[in-house]
Protein backbone atom coordinates (compact mmCIF):
# COMPACT_ATOMS: atom_id res chain seq x y z
CA MET A 1 8.42 -12.38 -10.52
CA SER A 2 10.76 -13.31 -7.62
CA GLU A 3 11.13 -16.17 -5.51
CA LEU A 4 9.41 -14.71 -3.02
CA GLU A 5 6.91 -12.93 -4.87
CA ASP A 6 5.94 -16.35 -6.03
CA LYS A 7 5.63 -17.66 -2.22
CA VAL A 8 3.59 -14.65 -0.87
CA ARG A 9 1.00 -14.78 -3.80
CA VAL A 10 0.29 -18.36 -3.28
CA GLU A 11 0.03 -17.52 0.35
CA VAL A 12 -2.39 -14.55 -0.07
CA GLY A 13 -4.31 -16.68 -2.42
CA LYS A 14 -5.33 -18.92 0.04
CA VAL A 15 -7.05 -16.35 1.84
CA GLN A 16 -11.06 -16.97 1.61
CA ASP A 17 -13.39 -14.41 1.38
CA PRO A 18 -16.09 -15.23 4.02
CA GLU A 19 -19.00 -14.28 2.18
CA THR A 20 -18.38 -16.84 -0.83
CA GLY A 21 -16.19 -19.43 0.84
CA GLN A 22 -13.75 -18.97 -2.03
CA SER A 23 -10.42 -18.26 -1.88
CA PHE A 24 -8.64 -15.02 -3.18
CA GLU A 25 -7.10 -16.88 -6.03
CA GLU A 26 -10.29 -18.68 -7.07
CA MET A 27 -12.03 -15.39 -7.22
CA GLN A 28 -8.56 -13.40 -8.98
CA MET A 29 -8.95 -10.56 -6.39
CA ILE A 30 -5.32 -10.27 -6.47
CA GLN A 31 -3.69 -7.76 -9.09
CA SER A 32 0.11 -7.75 -8.14
CA VAL A 33 2.52 -8.76 -5.98
CA LYS A 34 6.09 -7.16 -6.13
CA GLU A 35 9.13 -7.12 -3.98
CA THR A 36 9.78 -3.47 -3.87
CA GLU A 37 12.93 -4.05 -1.83
CA PRO A 38 14.71 -7.00 -0.10
CA GLY A 39 12.16 -8.41 2.52
CA THR A 40 9.48 -5.73 1.82
CA VAL A 41 6.36 -6.62 -0.53
CA THR A 42 3.40 -5.06 -1.75
CA VAL A 43 0.49 -6.51 -2.67
CA GLU A 44 -2.69 -5.16 -4.52
CA PHE A 45 -6.13 -6.40 -4.53
CA VAL A 46 -9.75 -5.41 -5.51
CA PRO A 47 -12.75 -6.52 -3.21
CA THR A 48 -15.73 -7.72 -4.84
CA SER A 49 -17.64 -4.48 -4.44
CA PRO A 50 -16.62 -1.23 -4.17
CA PHE A 51 -18.68 -1.32 -0.66
CA CYS A 52 -17.56 -4.30 0.34
CA PRO A 53 -18.27 -3.82 4.02
CA ILE A 54 -15.19 -6.23 5.03
CA ALA A 55 -12.88 -4.74 2.85
CA PHE A 56 -10.65 -3.45 6.22
CA LYS A 57 -10.52 -7.21 7.12
CA LEU A 58 -9.81 -8.55 4.06
CA SER A 59 -7.05 -6.24 3.75
CA ALA A 60 -5.40 -7.33 7.08
CA ASP A 61 -5.81 -10.48 6.29
CA ILE A 62 -3.77 -10.19 3.10
CA ARG A 63 -1.33 -8.23 5.43
CA ASP A 64 -0.90 -11.08 7.82
CA ALA A 65 -1.06 -14.00 5.15
CA ALA A 66 1.76 -11.98 3.46
CA LYS A 67 3.79 -11.16 6.55
CA SER A 68 3.65 -15.33 7.41
CA VAL A 69 5.93 -16.01 4.47
CA PRO A 70 9.66 -16.69 5.71
CA GLY A 71 11.70 -13.65 4.06
CA VAL A 72 9.32 -10.87 4.03
CA LYS A 73 10.33 -8.33 7.12
CA LYS A 74 7.27 -5.82 5.68
CA ALA A 75 4.16 -6.39 3.56
CA VAL A 76 2.19 -3.11 2.41
CA VAL A 77 -0.96 -4.16 1.06
CA PHE A 78 -3.20 -1.64 -1.34
CA CYS A 79 -6.78 -2.03 -1.83
CA ARG A 80 -8.04 -0.63 -4.95
CA GLY A 81 -11.60 0.04 -6.12
CA HIS A 82 -13.43 0.71 -2.94
CA ALA A 83 -15.31 3.71 -1.60
CA MET A 84 -13.32 3.83 1.35
CA GLU A 85 -9.96 2.77 -0.52
CA GLN A 86 -7.59 5.40 1.11
CA GLN A 87 -8.88 4.88 4.69
CA ILE A 88 -8.47 1.21 4.23
CA ASN A 89 -4.90 1.42 2.74
CA GLU A 90 -4.04 4.30 5.56
CA MET A 91 -5.44 1.75 8.32
CA THR A 92 -3.76 -1.38 7.11
CA ASN A 93 -0.51 0.50 6.73
CA LYS A 94 0.45 2.53 9.43
């Protein structure tokens, strides 16, 4: 894992699930963080439920947290295992 990937994983791990009050790291919701090209990271996460009503917000929060890391020019976030996965991913990454 690159240094940038480590920094992004730490930052997105701090995002709090408003329903439980726990961080994404505590809940082990972040599946992967990869630097796909210099300055571009891809983050995959799984919400707590396939029908999680705030998955759109969580996806945006992850994107914003990743983009706050110095050196990140672009953050792409993929929600996995949600009933509206495709719509969430399209909206988050447009």
